[in-house]
Amino acid sequence: MTSAPPAFSVCVYCGSRSGVAEPFVAAARDVGRWIGAHGGQLVYGGGNSGLMGVVADATLAAGGRVVGVIPHALVEKEWAKRDCTELHIVDSMHERKAMMALRADAFLSLPGGIGTFEELFEVWTWRQLGYHDKPLGLLDVDGYYQPLLQFLGSSVAHGFMSDWQMDLVQVDHDVARLLPALVQAAGLSAPIDLSQI
């Protein structure tokens, strides 16, 4: 007997470290619990450390599916999470990110480092270029992303970005408000076309 498909699939980008503040861990746990409790599926980078491990554990514990995608080179470094519902070990970071994007209905960035920033900016760039129309969210835990948002505002003020590009990302500090908004917006999304990227 096969299980029912997930109601939605959220790709979560977040740190392979936990950060120094408890709110970061709590937020990752809340995201995973929300996804699992609402019949959803987590798509993420397949690691078992830091916020990545927290969000995956919380999703599984709440009854959700977890799809991990990790390159061979990072299996040991990030301690690949072997109890994912699906664990895909791929050849490159490009293949990892492409598979994660294809399996997602929406994207959510939690606190993290340069890898998280790079993943967020990549799918944001793809959206503003029209390669997909999947919603993007930024969970601003404990004001973590405020300096980045201020810098991006400066980019708009200096004419290198436009307000409509900023509006492509929903920013909130409240998991219970942001995740439902992303899932609702995902109902209008078009499939991502990676062949054009």
Protein backbone atom coordinates (compact mmCIF):
# COMPACT_ATOMS: atom_id res chain seq x y z
CA MET A 1 0.00 0.00 0.00
CA THR A 2 1.48 3.34 -1.05
CA SER A 3 1.17 6.45 1.07
CA ALA A 4 -0.63 9.55 -0.17
CA PRO A 5 1.54 12.15 -1.89
CA PRO A 6 2.49 15.17 0.22
CA ALA A 7 0.12 18.13 0.16
CA PHE A 8 3.01 20.46 -0.72
CA SER A 9 6.79 20.51 -0.86
CA VAL A 10 8.95 23.25 0.64
CA CYS A 11 12.65 23.57 -0.12
CA VAL A 12 14.37 24.92 2.99
CA TYR A 13 17.81 26.51 2.86
CA CYS A 14 19.55 26.87 6.22
CA GLY A 15 22.83 26.59 8.07
CA SER A 16 24.83 23.42 8.59
CA ARG A 17 25.67 25.08 11.92
CA SER A 18 23.20 25.94 14.66
CA GLY A 19 24.34 29.51 15.28
CA VAL A 20 24.87 31.00 18.70
CA ALA A 21 21.26 31.86 19.60
CA GLU A 22 18.53 29.44 20.69
CA PRO A 23 15.88 31.22 18.57
CA PHE A 24 17.59 29.88 15.43
CA VAL A 25 17.23 26.27 16.54
CA ALA A 26 13.69 26.89 17.78
CA ALA A 27 12.68 28.41 14.44
CA ALA A 28 14.13 25.48 12.48
CA ARG A 29 12.23 23.10 14.73
CA ASP A 30 9.01 25.09 14.28
CA VAL A 31 9.39 25.04 10.49
CA GLY A 32 9.85 21.27 10.44
CA ARG A 33 6.93 20.69 12.79
CA TRP A 34 4.68 22.91 10.69
CA ILE A 35 5.59 21.13 7.45
CA GLY A 36 5.07 17.69 8.97
CA ALA A 37 1.87 18.56 10.83
CA HIS A 38 0.29 19.92 7.64
CA GLY A 39 1.04 16.88 5.49
CA GLY A 40 3.96 18.48 3.70
CA GLN A 41 7.35 17.47 2.46
CA LEU A 42 10.70 19.03 3.28
CA VAL A 43 13.28 19.23 0.52
CA TYR A 44 16.71 20.22 1.78
CA GLY A 45 20.44 19.66 1.44
CA GLY A 46 20.53 16.25 3.13
CA GLY A 47 22.80 17.14 6.04
CA ASN A 48 22.41 15.98 9.64
CA SER A 49 24.24 18.86 11.33
CA GLY A 50 23.19 22.32 12.43
CA LEU A 51 19.82 23.77 11.51
CA MET A 52 19.65 21.33 8.60
CA GLY A 53 19.46 18.37 10.97
CA VAL A 54 17.02 20.16 13.25
CA VAL A 55 14.48 20.97 10.55
CA ALA A 56 14.72 17.45 9.08
CA ASP A 57 14.30 15.74 12.47
CA ALA A 58 11.32 17.93 13.33
CA THR A 59 9.62 17.24 9.99
CA LEU A 60 10.02 13.49 10.40
CA ALA A 61 8.86 13.57 14.01
CA ALA A 62 5.70 15.43 12.94
CA GLY A 63 4.90 12.83 10.28
CA GLY A 64 6.18 14.64 7.21
CA ARG A 65 8.34 13.38 4.37
CA VAL A 66 11.96 14.49 4.03
CA VAL A 67 13.85 14.54 0.75
CA GLY A 68 17.58 15.11 1.20
CA VAL A 69 19.92 15.86 -1.68
CA ILE A 70 23.66 15.89 -1.01
CA PRO A 71 26.79 15.64 -3.18
CA HIS A 72 29.24 12.77 -2.66
CA ALA A 73 31.90 15.22 -1.47
CA LEU A 74 29.72 16.40 1.43
CA VAL A 75 28.36 13.06 2.64
CA GLU A 76 30.93 12.83 5.44
CA LYS A 77 31.55 16.56 5.94
CA GLU A 78 27.87 17.34 6.58
CA TRP A 79 27.06 13.89 8.02
CA ALA A 80 24.42 12.91 5.49
CA LYS A 81 21.09 12.18 7.16
CA ARG A 82 20.56 8.51 6.42
CA ASP A 83 17.00 8.32 7.77
CA CYS A 84 15.51 10.74 5.24
CA THR A 85 12.41 9.44 3.51
CA GLU A 86 14.49 9.82 0.34
CA LEU A 87 18.23 10.50 0.32
CA HIS A 88 19.75 11.33 -3.05
CA ILE A 89 23.54 11.35 -3.30
CA VAL A 90 24.51 13.29 -6.42
CA ASP A 91 27.71 14.18 -8.23
CA SER A 92 27.82 17.97 -7.88
CA MET A 93 26.42 21.05 -6.18
CA HIS A 94 24.75 22.01 -9.46
CA GLU A 95 22.91 18.69 -9.58
CA ARG A 96 21.98 19.06 -5.91
CA LYS A 97 20.46 22.51 -6.36
CA ALA A 98 18.66 21.56 -9.58
CA MET A 99 17.02 18.52 -7.96
CA MET A 100 16.02 20.53 -4.90
CA ALA A 101 14.43 23.21 -7.09
CA LEU A 102 12.55 20.66 -9.18
CA ARG A 103 11.13 18.89 -6.11
CA ALA A 104 9.90 22.11 -4.45
CA ASP A 105 6.66 24.07 -4.65
CA ALA A 106 8.13 26.95 -2.64
CA PHE A 107 11.46 28.06 -1.19
CA LEU A 108 12.22 29.19 2.36
CA SER A 109 15.49 30.52 3.73
CA LEU A 110 16.27 30.28 7.43
CA PRO A 111 19.42 31.73 8.99
CA GLY A 112 22.62 30.34 7.55
CA GLY A 113 25.96 31.29 6.02
CA ILE A 114 27.28 31.83 2.52
CA GLY A 115 25.82 28.56 1.19
CA THR A 116 22.35 29.61 2.33
CA PHE A 117 22.81 33.09 0.85
CA GLU A 118 23.97 31.63 -2.46
CA GLU A 119 20.99 29.28 -2.69
CA LEU A 120 18.51 32.05 -1.85
CA PHE A 121 19.98 34.48 -4.37
CA GLU A 122 20.09 31.84 -7.09
CA VAL A 123 16.39 30.91 -6.90
CA TRP A 124 15.53 34.59 -6.45
CA THR A 125 17.48 35.42 -9.62
CA TRP A 126 15.79 32.58 -11.49
CA ARG A 127 12.39 33.93 -10.45
CA GLN A 128 13.07 37.51 -11.49
CA LEU A 129 14.28 36.19 -14.87
CA GLY A 130 11.05 34.22 -15.29
CA TYR A 131 12.52 30.72 -15.11
CA HIS A 132 10.00 29.85 -12.41
CA ASP A 133 7.13 31.43 -10.51
CA LYS A 134 7.50 29.60 -7.21
CA PRO A 135 7.15 31.70 -4.05
CA LEU A 136 10.19 32.64 -2.00
CA GLY A 137 10.25 33.29 1.74
CA LEU A 138 12.84 34.65 4.14
CA LEU A 139 12.38 33.78 7.81
CA ASP A 140 13.94 36.70 9.67
CA VAL A 141 14.66 35.01 13.00
CA ASP A 142 15.76 37.36 15.78
CA GLY A 143 16.49 40.13 13.24
CA TYR A 144 19.19 37.99 11.59
CA TYR A 145 18.44 39.20 8.07
CA GLN A 146 17.90 42.89 8.88
CA PRO A 147 21.43 43.98 7.87
CA LEU A 148 21.08 42.12 4.56
CA LEU A 149 17.67 43.64 3.91
CA GLN A 150 19.07 47.10 4.66
CA PHE A 151 21.89 46.50 2.18
CA LEU A 152 19.41 45.34 -0.47
CA GLY A 153 17.39 48.49 0.18
CA SER A 154 20.57 50.44 -0.51
CA SER A 155 20.92 48.56 -3.80
CA VAL A 156 17.41 49.70 -4.74
CA ALA A 157 18.22 53.29 -3.72
CA HIS A 158 21.35 53.23 -5.88
CA GLY A 159 19.45 51.96 -8.91
CA PHE A 160 20.87 48.44 -9.15
CA MET A 161 17.63 46.75 -8.10
CA SER A 162 13.94 47.62 -8.26
CA ASP A 163 11.19 47.43 -5.66
CA TRP A 164 9.42 44.73 -7.68
CA GLN A 165 12.47 42.48 -7.30
CA MET A 166 12.39 42.96 -3.54
CA ASP A 167 8.68 42.15 -3.56
CA LEU A 168 9.42 38.68 -5.00
CA VAL A 169 10.55 37.57 -1.52
CA GLN A 170 8.11 37.41 1.39
CA VAL A 171 9.86 38.36 4.62
CA ASP A 172 8.43 37.52 8.03
CA HIS A 173 9.62 36.46 11.48
CA ASP A 174 6.52 34.35 12.16
CA VAL A 175 6.61 30.72 10.98
CA ALA A 176 2.85 30.31 11.43
CA ARG A 177 2.22 33.26 9.13
CA LEU A 178 4.95 32.85 6.52
CA LEU A 179 4.62 29.13 5.72
CA PRO A 180 0.85 29.22 5.05
CA ALA A 181 1.39 32.27 2.83
CA LEU A 182 4.04 30.43 0.80
CA VAL A 183 1.93 27.28 0.47
CA GLN A 184 -1.07 29.32 -0.63
CA ALA A 185 1.02 31.22 -3.17
CA ALA A 186 2.46 27.95 -4.46
CA GLY A 187 -0.98 27.03 -5.76
CA LEU A 188 -0.37 29.52 -8.53
CA SER A 189 3.18 28.46 -9.35
CA ALA A 190 4.44 27.22 -12.69
CA PRO A 191 6.98 24.37 -13.06
CA ILE A 192 10.58 25.46 -12.96
CA ASP A 193 12.30 25.27 -16.38
CA LEU A 194 15.90 24.39 -15.63
CA SER A 195 16.63 23.74 -19.30
CA GLN A 196 16.68 27.49 -19.83
CA ILE A 197 19.17 28.20 -17.01
